[in-house]
Amino acid sequence: MKSLKLNNSVLGWVLGFVGPAIGFLLVSVLWTTYYRRSLDYLWREIILQFNELHAPVLTLSLVFNLLTFLLFNKYGHLKTARGILGATFVYVPIVFYLKFAG
């Protein structure tokens, strides 16, 4: 019964859209811990100042979607995995825009 609640595409789409934010926070915490800087410094001095970092940061944040996709796929929650994959594909044009036009 519990697996039916986890196996739906709406959950996958929500996780797919929220996942990069969680991935960004994880990467940010790791970066600030390693370089001993504040999150405010990372945000204001690096990410907002350098436009060429926007696409790589978003791409790195999307790695979290890959991990959640693989996890749900492994346990047979295919509808959720498809939702995560679909939401990830929505980010692809944004990454291309940031990479080549931004």
Foldseek 3Di string as FASTA:
>chain_A
DVLVVVQALVLLQVCLVCQLVVLLVVVLVVVCVVVVHDSVCCVPVPPVVDLQCPLVSSVSSNVSLVVVLVVCVVVPSNSSSVNNVVSNVVCVVVSVCSNPVD
